[in-house]
PDB file of N, CA and C in Angstrom:
ATOM      1  N   MET A   1      38.683  49.821  15.338  1.00  0.00           N
ATOM      2  CA  MET A   1      38.526  50.646  14.169  1.00  0.00           C
ATOM      3  C   MET A   1      39.182  49.999  12.949  1.00  0.00           C
ATOM      4  N   GLU A   2      40.221  49.256  13.152  1.00  0.00           N
ATOM      5  CA  GLU A   2      40.874  48.580  12.024  1.00  0.00           C
ATOM      6  C   GLU A   2      39.914  47.593  11.363  1.00  0.00           C
ATOM      7  N   TYR A   3      39.129  46.925  12.174  1.00  0.00           N
ATOM      8  CA  TYR A   3      38.164  45.965  11.634  1.00  0.00           C
ATOM      9  C   TYR A   3      37.167  46.681  10.737  1.00  0.00           C
ATOM     10  N   TYR A   4      36.703  47.823  11.158  1.00  0.00           N
ATOM     11  CA  TYR A   4      35.752  48.609  10.385  1.00  0.00           C
ATOM     12  C   TYR A   4      36.351  49.039   9.044  1.00  0.00           C
ATOM     13  N   GLU A   5      37.595  49.395   9.027  1.00  0.00           N
ATOM     14  CA  GLU A   5      38.260  49.791   7.792  1.00  0.00           C
ATOM     15  C   GLU A   5      38.381  48.608   6.843  1.00  0.00           C
ATOM     16  N   PHE A   6      38.625  47.446   7.400  1.00  0.00           N
ATOM     17  CA  PHE A   6      38.724  46.246   6.573  1.00  0.00           C
ATOM     18  C   PHE A   6      37.396  45.969   5.863  1.00  0.00           C
ATOM     19  N   ILE A   7      36.306  46.130   6.587  1.00  0.00           N
ATOM     20  CA  ILE A   7      34.991  45.890   5.996  1.00  0.00           C
ATOM     21  C   ILE A   7      34.736  46.866   4.859  1.00  0.00           C
ATOM     22  N   LEU A   8      35.127  48.099   5.010  1.00  0.00           N
ATOM     23  CA  LEU A   8      34.941  49.074   3.934  1.00  0.00           C
ATOM     24  C   LEU A   8      35.787  48.740   2.717  1.00  0.00           C
ATOM     25  N   TRP A   9      36.957  48.151   2.941  1.00  0.00           N
ATOM     26  CA  TRP A   9      37.822  47.773   1.832  1.00  0.00           C
ATOM     27  C   TRP A   9      37.240  46.606   1.050  1.00  0.00           C
ATOM     28  N   TRP A  10      36.626  45.653   1.769  1.00  0.00           N
ATOM     29  CA  TRP A  10      36.055  44.474   1.124  1.00  0.00           C
ATOM     30  C   TRP A  10      34.770  44.843   0.406  1.00  0.00           C
ATOM     31  N   SER A  11      34.589  44.303  -0.749  1.00  0.00           N
ATOM     32  CA  SER A  11      33.350  44.549  -1.487  1.00  0.00           C
ATOM     33  C   SER A  11      32.863  43.248  -2.099  1.00  0.00           C
ATOM     34  N   PRO A  12      31.581  43.136  -2.378  1.00  0.00           N
ATOM     35  CA  PRO A  12      31.054  41.919  -3.009  1.00  0.00           C
ATOM     36  C   PRO A  12      31.690  41.654  -4.368  1.00  0.00           C
ATOM     37  N   GLU A  13      32.067  42.718  -5.055  1.00  0.00           N
ATOM     38  CA  GLU A  13      32.690  42.536  -6.374  1.00  0.00           C
ATOM     39  C   GLU A  13      34.036  41.831  -6.240  1.00  0.00           C
ATOM     40  N   GLU A  14      34.799  42.210  -5.194  1.00  0.00           N
ATOM     41  CA  GLU A  14      36.089  41.558  -4.958  1.00  0.00           C
ATOM     42  C   GLU A  14      35.888  40.083  -4.672  1.00  0.00           C
ATOM     43  N   SER A  15      34.898  39.774  -3.869  1.00  0.00           N
ATOM     44  CA  SER A  15      34.611  38.381  -3.541  1.00  0.00           C
ATOM     45  C   SER A  15      34.240  37.605  -4.796  1.00  0.00           C
ATOM     46  N   LEU A  16      33.440  38.221  -5.641  1.00  0.00           N
ATOM     47  CA  LEU A  16      33.019  37.571  -6.879  1.00  0.00           C
ATOM     48  C   LEU A  16      34.205  37.318  -7.797  1.00  0.00           C
ATOM     49  N   LYS A  17      35.129  38.286  -7.866  1.00  0.00           N
ATOM     50  CA  LYS A  17      36.318  38.123  -8.699  1.00  0.00           C
ATOM     51  C   LYS A  17      37.144  36.943  -8.224  1.00  0.00           C
ATOM     52  N   ARG A  18      37.234  36.764  -6.919  1.00  0.00           N
ATOM     53  CA  ARG A  18      38.009  35.644  -6.375  1.00  0.00           C
ATOM     54  C   ARG A  18      37.342  34.305  -6.647  1.00  0.00           C
ATOM     55  N   GLN A  19      36.019  34.292  -6.617  1.00  0.00           N
ATOM     56  CA  GLN A  19      35.290  33.046  -6.830  1.00  0.00           C
ATOM     57  C   GLN A  19      35.226  32.665  -8.302  1.00  0.00           C
ATOM     58  N   VAL A  20      35.188  33.638  -9.187  1.00  0.00           N
ATOM     59  CA  VAL A  20      35.024  33.375 -10.611  1.00  0.00           C
ATOM     60  C   VAL A  20      36.353  33.631 -11.307  1.00  0.00           C
ATOM     61  N   GLY A  21      37.251  32.710 -11.162  1.00  0.00           N
ATOM     62  CA  GLY A  21      38.524  32.792 -11.862  1.00  0.00           C
ATOM     63  C   GLY A  21      38.465  31.922 -13.099  1.00  0.00           C
ATOM     64  N   GLU A  22      39.558  31.850 -13.813  1.00  0.00           N
ATOM     65  CA  GLU A  22      39.589  31.019 -15.020  1.00  0.00           C
ATOM     66  C   GLU A  22      39.426  29.541 -14.683  1.00  0.00           C
ATOM     67  N   LYS A  23      39.921  29.136 -13.506  1.00  0.00           N
ATOM     68  CA  LYS A  23      39.862  27.731 -13.124  1.00  0.00           C
ATOM     69  C   LYS A  23      38.667  27.423 -12.235  1.00  0.00           C
ATOM     70  N   ALA A  24      37.848  28.409 -11.956  1.00  0.00           N
ATOM     71  CA  ALA A  24      36.703  28.194 -11.073  1.00  0.00           C
ATOM     72  C   ALA A  24      35.664  27.332 -11.774  1.00  0.00           C
ATOM     73  N   SER A  25      35.033  26.523 -11.004  1.00  0.00           N
ATOM     74  CA  SER A  25      33.972  25.678 -11.558  1.00  0.00           C
ATOM     75  C   SER A  25      32.652  26.091 -10.934  1.00  0.00           C
ATOM     76  N   GLY A  26      31.607  25.932 -11.682  1.00  0.00           N
ATOM     77  CA  GLY A  26      30.282  26.302 -11.200  1.00  0.00           C
ATOM     78  C   GLY A  26      29.738  25.234 -10.275  1.00  0.00           C
ATOM     79  N   PRO A  27      28.687  25.546  -9.576  1.00  0.00           N
ATOM     80  CA  PRO A  27      28.079  24.561  -8.678  1.00  0.00           C
ATOM     81  C   PRO A  27      27.435  23.427  -9.471  1.00  0.00           C
ATOM     82  N   ASP A  28      27.396  22.264  -8.855  1.00  0.00           N
ATOM     83  CA  ASP A  28      26.729  21.137  -9.486  1.00  0.00           C
ATOM     84  C   ASP A  28      25.231  21.369  -9.419  1.00  0.00           C
ATOM     85  N   VAL A  29      24.585  21.278 -10.544  1.00  0.00           N
ATOM     86  CA  VAL A  29      23.150  21.484 -10.607  1.00  0.00           C
ATOM     87  C   VAL A  29      22.541  20.254 -11.235  1.00  0.00           C
ATOM     88  N   SER A  30      21.573  19.664 -10.546  1.00  0.00           N
ATOM     89  CA  SER A  30      20.902  18.507 -11.121  1.00  0.00           C
ATOM     90  C   SER A  30      19.519  18.938 -11.565  1.00  0.00           C
ATOM     91  N   GLU A  31      19.173  18.540 -12.749  1.00  0.00           N
ATOM     92  CA  GLU A  31      17.881  18.900 -13.307  1.00  0.00           C
ATOM     93  C   GLU A  31      16.846  17.919 -12.797  1.00  0.00           C
ATOM     94  N   LYS A  32      15.747  18.447 -12.291  1.00  0.00           N
ATOM     95  CA  LYS A  32      14.679  17.597 -11.787  1.00  0.00           C
ATOM     96  C   LYS A  32      13.814  17.143 -12.952  1.00  0.00           C
ATOM     97  N   THR A  33      13.639  15.849 -13.043  1.00  0.00           N
ATOM     98  CA  THR A  33      12.812  15.311 -14.118  1.00  0.00           C
ATOM     99  C   THR A  33      11.375  15.237 -13.643  1.00  0.00           C
ATOM    100  N   GLY A  34      10.506  14.790 -14.499  1.00  0.00           N
ATOM    101  CA  GLY A  34       9.094  14.680 -14.154  1.00  0.00           C
ATOM    102  C   GLY A  34       8.887  13.868 -12.890  1.00  0.00           C
ATOM    103  N   SER A  35       7.947  14.256 -12.070  1.00  0.00           N
ATOM    104  CA  SER A  35       7.753  13.606 -10.780  1.00  0.00           C
ATOM    105  C   SER A  35       7.222  12.186 -10.923  1.00  0.00           C
ATOM    106  N   ARG A  36       6.585  11.887 -12.023  1.00  0.00           N
ATOM    107  CA  ARG A  36       6.036  10.541 -12.180  1.00  0.00           C
ATOM    108  C   ARG A  36       7.055   9.540 -12.709  1.00  0.00           C
ATOM    109  N   HIS A  37       8.249   9.997 -13.010  1.00  0.00           N
ATOM    110  CA  HIS A  37       9.263   9.096 -13.552  1.00  0.00           C
ATOM    111  C   HIS A  37      10.258   8.740 -12.457  1.00  0.00           C
ATOM    112  N   ASN A  38      10.250   7.501 -12.052  1.00  0.00           N
ATOM    113  CA  ASN A  38      11.191   7.029 -11.045  1.00  0.00           C
ATOM    114  C   ASN A  38      11.698   5.666 -11.506  1.00  0.00           C
ATOM    115  N   GLU A  39      12.946   5.625 -11.923  1.00  0.00           N
ATOM    116  CA  GLU A  39      13.515   4.390 -12.473  1.00  0.00           C
ATOM    117  C   GLU A  39      13.522   3.251 -11.463  1.00  0.00           C
ATOM    118  N   LYS A  40      13.574   3.587 -10.196  1.00  0.00           N
ATOM    119  CA  LYS A  40      13.622   2.569  -9.151  1.00  0.00           C
ATOM    120  C   LYS A  40      12.384   1.664  -9.195  1.00  0.00           C
ATOM    121  N   TYR A  41      11.224   2.238  -9.492  1.00  0.00           N
ATOM    122  CA  TYR A  41       9.981   1.474  -9.485  1.00  0.00           C
ATOM    123  C   TYR A  41       9.430   1.226 -10.886  1.00  0.00           C
ATOM    124  N   GLU A  42      10.186   1.553 -11.903  1.00  0.00           N
ATOM    125  CA  GLU A  42       9.712   1.443 -13.282  1.00  0.00           C
ATOM    126  C   GLU A  42       9.278   0.015 -13.632  1.00  0.00           C
ATOM    127  N   GLN A  43      10.088  -0.982 -13.287  1.00  0.00           N
ATOM    128  CA  GLN A  43       9.748  -2.372 -13.604  1.00  0.00           C
ATOM    129  C   GLN A  43       8.530  -2.838 -12.808  1.00  0.00           C
ATOM    130  N   ASP A  44       8.421  -2.387 -11.545  1.00  0.00           N
ATOM    131  CA  ASP A  44       7.276  -2.764 -10.718  1.00  0.00           C
ATOM    132  C   ASP A  44       5.985  -2.199 -11.311  1.00  0.00           C
ATOM    133  N   ILE A  45       6.028  -0.956 -11.738  1.00  0.00           N
ATOM    134  CA  ILE A  45       4.844  -0.313 -12.313  1.00  0.00           C
ATOM    135  C   ILE A  45       4.467  -0.983 -13.630  1.00  0.00           C
ATOM    136  N   THR A  46       5.457  -1.350 -14.413  1.00  0.00           N
ATOM    137  CA  THR A  46       5.189  -2.070 -15.663  1.00  0.00           C
ATOM    138  C   THR A  46       4.501  -3.396 -15.374  1.00  0.00           C
ATOM    139  N   ALA A  47       4.959  -4.129 -14.364  1.00  0.00           N
ATOM    140  CA  ALA A  47       4.346  -5.410 -13.999  1.00  0.00           C
ATOM    141  C   ALA A  47       2.905  -5.213 -13.535  1.00  0.00           C
ATOM    142  N   LEU A  48       2.658  -4.168 -12.762  1.00  0.00           N
ATOM    143  CA  LEU A  48       1.292  -3.896 -12.300  1.00  0.00           C
ATOM    144  C   LEU A  48       0.391  -3.485 -13.462  1.00  0.00           C
ATOM    145  N   ARG A  49       0.918  -2.705 -14.400  1.00  0.00           N
ATOM    146  CA  ARG A  49       0.131  -2.307 -15.577  1.00  0.00           C
ATOM    147  C   ARG A  49      -0.246  -3.537 -16.416  1.00  0.00           C
ATOM    148  N   GLU A  50       0.688  -4.486 -16.542  1.00  0.00           N
ATOM    149  CA  GLU A  50       0.408  -5.703 -17.312  1.00  0.00           C
ATOM    150  C   GLU A  50      -0.693  -6.516 -16.642  1.00  0.00           C
ATOM    151  N   LYS A  51      -0.663  -6.563 -15.318  1.00  0.00           N
ATOM    152  CA  LYS A  51      -1.668  -7.362 -14.599  1.00  0.00           C
ATOM    153  C   LYS A  51      -3.033  -6.694 -14.598  1.00  0.00           C
ATOM    154  N   PHE A  52      -3.079  -5.375 -14.398  1.00  0.00           N
ATOM    155  CA  PHE A  52      -4.352  -4.683 -14.244  1.00  0.00           C
ATOM    156  C   PHE A  52      -4.803  -3.923 -15.485  1.00  0.00           C
ATOM    157  N   GLY A  53      -3.954  -3.823 -16.492  1.00  0.00           N
ATOM    158  CA  GLY A  53      -4.334  -3.203 -17.763  1.00  0.00           C
ATOM    159  C   GLY A  53      -4.894  -1.810 -17.608  1.00  0.00           C
ATOM    160  N   ASN A  54      -6.057  -1.572 -18.218  1.00  0.00           N
ATOM    161  CA  ASN A  54      -6.682  -0.252 -18.189  1.00  0.00           C
ATOM    162  C   ASN A  54      -7.201   0.117 -16.805  1.00  0.00           C
ATOM    163  N   SER A  55      -7.269  -0.846 -15.907  1.00  0.00           N
ATOM    164  CA  SER A  55      -7.727  -0.567 -14.548  1.00  0.00           C
ATOM    165  C   SER A  55      -6.660   0.139 -13.721  1.00  0.00           C
ATOM    166  N   PHE A  56      -5.437   0.221 -14.235  1.00  0.00           N
ATOM    167  CA  PHE A  56      -4.327   0.867 -13.510  1.00  0.00           C
ATOM    168  C   PHE A  56      -4.478   2.378 -13.642  1.00  0.00           C
ATOM    169  N   ILE A  57      -5.400   2.925 -12.873  1.00  0.00           N
ATOM    170  CA  ILE A  57      -5.706   4.359 -12.925  1.00  0.00           C
ATOM    171  C   ILE A  57      -5.756   4.922 -11.512  1.00  0.00           C
ATOM    172  N   THR A  58      -5.804   6.233 -11.423  1.00  0.00           N
ATOM    173  CA  THR A  58      -5.909   6.906 -10.134  1.00  0.00           C
ATOM    174  C   THR A  58      -7.133   6.409  -9.390  1.00  0.00           C
ATOM    175  N   GLY A  59      -6.965   6.156  -8.116  1.00  0.00           N
ATOM    176  CA  GLY A  59      -8.064   5.685  -7.284  1.00  0.00           C
ATOM    177  C   GLY A  59      -8.126   4.172  -7.167  1.00  0.00           C
ATOM    178  N   LEU A  60      -7.319   3.463  -7.917  1.00  0.00           N
ATOM    179  CA  LEU A  60      -7.307   2.007  -7.858  1.00  0.00           C
ATOM    180  C   LEU A  60      -6.784   1.548  -6.502  1.00  0.00           C
ATOM    181  N   CYS A  61      -7.411   0.536  -5.938  1.00  0.00           N
ATOM    182  CA  CYS A  61      -6.936  -0.093  -4.709  1.00  0.00           C
ATOM    183  C   CYS A  61      -6.539  -1.524  -5.054  1.00  0.00           C
ATOM    184  N   VAL A  62      -5.283  -1.839  -4.844  1.00  0.00           N
ATOM    185  CA  VAL A  62      -4.758  -3.166  -5.157  1.00  0.00           C
ATOM    186  C   VAL A  62      -4.447  -3.865  -3.845  1.00  0.00           C
ATOM    187  N   ARG A  63      -5.011  -5.038  -3.647  1.00  0.00           N
ATOM    188  CA  ARG A  63      -4.738  -5.840  -2.451  1.00  0.00           C
ATOM    189  C   ARG A  63      -4.314  -7.225  -2.919  1.00  0.00           C
ATOM    190  N   ILE A  64      -3.031  -7.522  -2.730  1.00  0.00           N
ATOM    191  CA  ILE A  64      -2.492  -8.804  -3.183  1.00  0.00           C
ATOM    192  C   ILE A  64      -1.669  -9.437  -2.070  1.00  0.00           C
ATOM    193  N   THR A  65      -1.447 -10.737  -2.210  1.00  0.00           N
ATOM    194  CA  THR A  65      -0.635 -11.440  -1.224  1.00  0.00           C
ATOM    195  C   THR A  65       0.847 -11.185  -1.496  1.00  0.00           C
ATOM    196  N   LEU A  66       1.645 -11.431  -0.503  1.00  0.00           N
ATOM    197  CA  LEU A  66       3.085 -11.288  -0.651  1.00  0.00           C
ATOM    198  C   LEU A  66       3.597 -12.237  -1.729  1.00  0.00           C
ATOM    199  N   LYS A  67       3.043 -13.427  -1.787  1.00  0.00           N
ATOM    200  CA  LYS A  67       3.453 -14.413  -2.792  1.00  0.00           C
ATOM    201  C   LYS A  67       3.184 -13.886  -4.201  1.00  0.00           C
ATOM    202  N   GLU A  68       2.016 -13.276  -4.424  1.00  0.00           N
ATOM    203  CA  GLU A  68       1.698 -12.694  -5.731  1.00  0.00           C
ATOM    204  C   GLU A  68       2.657 -11.551  -6.068  1.00  0.00           C
ATOM    205  N   ALA A  69       2.915 -10.697  -5.071  1.00  0.00           N
ATOM    206  CA  ALA A  69       3.801  -9.557  -5.288  1.00  0.00           C
ATOM    207  C   ALA A  69       5.203 -10.023  -5.656  1.00  0.00           C
ATOM    208  N   LEU A  70       5.701 -11.023  -4.958  1.00  0.00           N
ATOM    209  CA  LEU A  70       7.039 -11.540  -5.252  1.00  0.00           C
ATOM    210  C   LEU A  70       7.095 -12.166  -6.643  1.00  0.00           C
ATOM    211  N   GLY A  71       5.997 -12.746  -7.100  1.00  0.00           N
ATOM    212  CA  GLY A  71       5.942 -13.315  -8.443  1.00  0.00           C
ATOM    213  C   GLY A  71       5.997 -12.246  -9.524  1.00  0.00           C
ATOM    214  N   MET A  72       5.333 -11.113  -9.268  1.00  0.00           N
ATOM    215  CA  MET A  72       5.295 -10.024 -10.254  1.00  0.00           C
ATOM    216  C   MET A  72       6.474  -9.078 -10.117  1.00  0.00           C
ATOM    217  N   MET A  73       6.847  -8.780  -8.877  1.00  0.00           N
ATOM    218  CA  MET A  73       7.872  -7.766  -8.598  1.00  0.00           C
ATOM    219  C   MET A  73       8.862  -8.337  -7.581  1.00  0.00           C
ATOM    220  N   PRO A  74       9.797  -9.159  -8.018  1.00  0.00           N
ATOM    221  CA  PRO A  74      10.704  -9.841  -7.098  1.00  0.00           C
ATOM    222  C   PRO A  74      11.533  -8.877  -6.243  1.00  0.00           C
ATOM    223  N   ARG A  75      11.812  -9.298  -5.028  1.00  0.00           N
ATOM    224  CA  ARG A  75      12.648  -8.542  -4.097  1.00  0.00           C
ATOM    225  C   ARG A  75      13.650  -9.500  -3.456  1.00  0.00           C
ATOM    226  N   ASN A  76      14.803  -8.971  -3.085  1.00  0.00           N
ATOM    227  CA  ASN A  76      15.777  -9.786  -2.343  1.00  0.00           C
ATOM    228  C   ASN A  76      15.247 -10.107  -0.956  1.00  0.00           C
ATOM    229  N   ARG A  77      14.626  -9.122  -0.342  1.00  0.00           N
ATOM    230  CA  ARG A  77      14.049  -9.307   0.984  1.00  0.00           C
ATOM    231  C   ARG A  77      12.590  -9.707   0.795  1.00  0.00           C
ATOM    232  N   LYS A  78      12.264 -10.926   1.089  1.00  0.00           N
ATOM    233  CA  LYS A  78      10.936 -11.463   0.817  1.00  0.00           C
ATOM    234  C   LYS A  78       9.984 -11.205   1.983  1.00  0.00           C
ATOM    235  N   ARG A  79       9.748  -9.900   2.224  1.00  0.00           N
ATOM    236  CA  ARG A  79       8.862  -9.481   3.293  1.00  0.00           C
ATOM    237  C   ARG A  79       7.971  -8.338   2.798  1.00  0.00           C
ATOM    238  N   VAL A  80       6.856  -8.174   3.461  1.00  0.00           N
ATOM    239  CA  VAL A  80       5.900  -7.138   3.077  1.00  0.00           C
ATOM    240  C   VAL A  80       6.550  -5.754   3.120  1.00  0.00           C
ATOM    241  N   ASP A  81       7.399  -5.513   4.107  1.00  0.00           N
ATOM    242  CA  ASP A  81       7.994  -4.184   4.249  1.00  0.00           C
ATOM    243  C   ASP A  81       8.947  -3.828   3.104  1.00  0.00           C
ATOM    244  N   ALA A  82       9.316  -4.789   2.289  1.00  0.00           N
ATOM    245  CA  ALA A  82      10.166  -4.510   1.126  1.00  0.00           C
ATOM    246  C   ALA A  82       9.396  -3.711   0.069  1.00  0.00           C
ATOM    247  N   TYR A  83       8.080  -3.657   0.176  1.00  0.00           N
ATOM    248  CA  TYR A  83       7.243  -2.960  -0.800  1.00  0.00           C
ATOM    249  C   TYR A  83       6.699  -1.627  -0.280  1.00  0.00           C
ATOM    250  N   TYR A  84       7.084  -1.221   0.916  1.00  0.00           N
ATOM    251  CA  TYR A  84       6.579   0.028   1.490  1.00  0.00           C
ATOM    252  C   TYR A  84       6.920   1.233   0.621  1.00  0.00           C
ATOM    253  N   GLY A  85       8.129   1.291   0.102  1.00  0.00           N
ATOM    254  CA  GLY A  85       8.533   2.415  -0.750  1.00  0.00           C
ATOM    255  C   GLY A  85       7.697   2.482  -2.014  1.00  0.00           C
ATOM    256  N   LEU A  86       7.462   1.340  -2.635  1.00  0.00           N
ATOM    257  CA  LEU A  86       6.631   1.282  -3.836  1.00  0.00           C
ATOM    258  C   LEU A  86       5.210   1.720  -3.517  1.00  0.00           C
ATOM    259  N   ALA A  87       4.670   1.243  -2.409  1.00  0.00           N
ATOM    260  CA  ALA A  87       3.303   1.603  -2.028  1.00  0.00           C
ATOM    261  C   ALA A  87       3.190   3.107  -1.794  1.00  0.00           C
ATOM    262  N   ARG A  88       4.167   3.679  -1.125  1.00  0.00           N
ATOM    263  CA  ARG A  88       4.163   5.124  -0.862  1.00  0.00           C
ATOM    264  C   ARG A  88       4.275   5.907  -2.183  1.00  0.00           C
ATOM    265  N   TYR A  89       5.143   5.448  -3.068  1.00  0.00           N
ATOM    266  CA  TYR A  89       5.329   6.100  -4.364  1.00  0.00           C
ATOM    267  C   TYR A  89       4.042   6.058  -5.192  1.00  0.00           C
ATOM    268  N   LEU A  90       3.396   4.897  -5.244  1.00  0.00           N
ATOM    269  CA  LEU A  90       2.157   4.775  -6.003  1.00  0.00           C
ATOM    270  C   LEU A  90       1.069   5.687  -5.436  1.00  0.00           C
ATOM    271  N   GLN A  91       1.003   5.785  -4.111  1.00  0.00           N
ATOM    272  CA  GLN A  91      -0.006   6.638  -3.485  1.00  0.00           C
ATOM    273  C   GLN A  91       0.255   8.108  -3.788  1.00  0.00           C
ATOM    274  N   GLU A  92       1.495   8.536  -3.657  1.00  0.00           N
ATOM    275  CA  GLU A  92       1.833   9.941  -3.845  1.00  0.00           C
ATOM    276  C   GLU A  92       1.750  10.377  -5.309  1.00  0.00           C
ATOM    277  N   GLU A  93       2.223   9.538  -6.209  1.00  0.00           N
ATOM    278  CA  GLU A  93       2.319   9.945  -7.608  1.00  0.00           C
ATOM    279  C   GLU A  93       1.110   9.571  -8.459  1.00  0.00           C
ATOM    280  N   TYR A  94       0.431   8.476  -8.123  1.00  0.00           N
ATOM    281  CA  TYR A  94      -0.659   7.994  -8.957  1.00  0.00           C
ATOM    282  C   TYR A  94      -2.003   7.947  -8.234  1.00  0.00           C
ATOM    283  N   GLY A  95      -1.985   8.098  -6.915  1.00  0.00           N
ATOM    284  CA  GLY A  95      -3.230   7.984  -6.159  1.00  0.00           C
ATOM    285  C   GLY A  95      -3.734   6.557  -6.096  1.00  0.00           C
ATOM    286  N   ILE A  96      -2.824   5.602  -6.198  1.00  0.00           N
ATOM    287  CA  ILE A  96      -3.160   4.175  -6.174  1.00  0.00           C
ATOM    288  C   ILE A  96      -2.740   3.605  -4.826  1.00  0.00           C
ATOM    289  N   THR A  97      -3.653   2.882  -4.189  1.00  0.00           N
ATOM    290  CA  THR A  97      -3.366   2.263  -2.900  1.00  0.00           C
ATOM    291  C   THR A  97      -2.947   0.820  -3.130  1.00  0.00           C
ATOM    292  N   LEU A  98      -1.735   0.500  -2.724  1.00  0.00           N
ATOM    293  CA  LEU A  98      -1.212  -0.859  -2.858  1.00  0.00           C
ATOM    294  C   LEU A  98      -1.106  -1.462  -1.472  1.00  0.00           C
ATOM    295  N   THR A  99      -1.814  -2.563  -1.260  1.00  0.00           N
ATOM    296  CA  THR A  99      -1.754  -3.280   0.013  1.00  0.00           C
ATOM    297  C   THR A  99      -1.251  -4.681  -0.260  1.00  0.00           C
ATOM    298  N   ILE A 100      -0.137  -5.012   0.349  1.00  0.00           N
ATOM    299  CA  ILE A 100       0.436  -6.355   0.210  1.00  0.00           C
ATOM    300  C   ILE A 100       0.400  -6.990   1.592  1.00  0.00           C
ATOM    301  N   TYR A 101      -0.171  -8.181   1.661  1.00  0.00           N
ATOM    302  CA  TYR A 101      -0.289  -8.842   2.951  1.00  0.00           C
ATOM    303  C   TYR A 101       0.292 -10.246   2.869  1.00  0.00           C
ATOM    304  N   SER A 102       0.752 -10.709   3.997  1.00  0.00           N
ATOM    305  CA  SER A 102       1.314 -12.050   4.084  1.00  0.00           C
ATOM    306  C   SER A 102       0.223 -13.016   4.517  1.00  0.00           C
ATOM    307  N   GLN A 103       0.179 -14.167   3.906  1.00  0.00           N
ATOM    308  CA  GLN A 103      -0.804 -15.182   4.290  1.00  0.00           C
ATOM    309  C   GLN A 103      -0.426 -15.821   5.621  1.00  0.00           C
ATOM    310  N   LYS A 104       0.806 -15.637   6.059  1.00  0.00           N
ATOM    311  CA  LYS A 104       1.265 -16.220   7.321  1.00  0.00           C
ATOM    312  C   LYS A 104       0.807 -15.408   8.528  1.00  0.00           C
ATOM    313  N   THR A 105       0.550 -14.114   8.329  1.00  0.00           N
ATOM    314  CA  THR A 105       0.167 -13.267   9.461  1.00  0.00           C
ATOM    315  C   THR A 105      -1.325 -13.344   9.698  1.00  0.00           C
ATOM    316  N   LYS A 106      -1.708 -13.153  10.941  1.00  0.00           N
ATOM    317  CA  LYS A 106      -3.106 -13.203  11.323  1.00  0.00           C
ATOM    318  C   LYS A 106      -3.797 -11.931  10.842  1.00  0.00           C
ATOM    319  N   PRO A 107      -4.950 -12.049  10.181  1.00  0.00           N
ATOM    320  CA  PRO A 107      -5.644 -10.845   9.716  1.00  0.00           C
ATOM    321  C   PRO A 107      -6.152 -10.018  10.891  1.00  0.00           C
ATOM    322  N   ASN A 108      -6.310  -8.722  10.656  1.00  0.00           N
ATOM    323  CA  ASN A 108      -6.851  -7.828  11.678  1.00  0.00           C
ATOM    324  C   ASN A 108      -8.308  -8.177  11.951  1.00  0.00           C
ATOM    325  N   ASP A 109      -8.808  -7.783  13.095  1.00  0.00           N
ATOM    326  CA  ASP A 109     -10.194  -8.082  13.476  1.00  0.00           C
ATOM    327  C   ASP A 109     -11.189  -7.579  12.442  1.00  0.00           C
ATOM    328  N   HIS A 110     -10.980  -6.384  11.900  1.00  0.00           N
ATOM    329  CA  HIS A 110     -11.928  -5.840  10.927  1.00  0.00           C
ATOM    330  C   HIS A 110     -11.890  -6.584   9.600  1.00  0.00           C
ATOM    331  N   GLU A 111     -10.777  -7.246   9.304  1.00  0.00           N
ATOM    332  CA  GLU A 111     -10.678  -8.006   8.061  1.00  0.00           C
ATOM    333  C   GLU A 111     -11.393  -9.334   8.171  1.00  0.00           C
ATOM    334  N   GLU A 112     -11.498  -9.905   9.380  1.00  0.00           N
ATOM    335  CA  GLU A 112     -12.175 -11.192   9.562  1.00  0.00           C
ATOM    336  C   GLU A 112     -13.649 -11.071   9.203  1.00  0.00           C
ATOM    337  N   ASP A 113     -14.244  -9.905   9.496  1.00  0.00           N
ATOM    338  CA  ASP A 113     -15.664  -9.702   9.208  1.00  0.00           C
ATOM    339  C   ASP A 113     -15.920  -9.698   7.711  1.00  0.00           C
ATOM    340  N   ASN A 114     -14.950  -9.266   6.929  1.00  0.00           N
ATOM    341  CA  ASN A 114     -15.141  -9.149   5.488  1.00  0.00           C
ATOM    342  C   ASN A 114     -14.872 -10.449   4.741  1.00  0.00           C
ATOM    343  N   LEU A 115     -14.312 -11.441   5.387  1.00  0.00           N
ATOM    344  CA  LEU A 115     -13.966 -12.681   4.694  1.00  0.00           C
ATOM    345  C   LEU A 115     -15.123 -13.575   4.465  1.00  0.00           C
TER     346      LEU A 115
END
């Protein structure tokens, strides 16, 4: 029964008074910016816009070699997987498909027919 009495004594207003004192700080709130703005890929997108000009639009499919990609958008890790994040970002935000392939790897069977 003592526990029940304690609950009746406690009120949300009391809790609020304790949380909102003179020295209390509010929660950290980060403002979400536009979804198409991502500083991480800003330079890469600028390089692609320079190369493809007005063709850099939704629905564009870009297929370039790893060597070309490294020339336009340098990476510390010189592998195709270093561009996966950029490719995913372009697909989600712009509807652009970016395919980067290595000339060292063997093409898939379906790609041999198209060569």
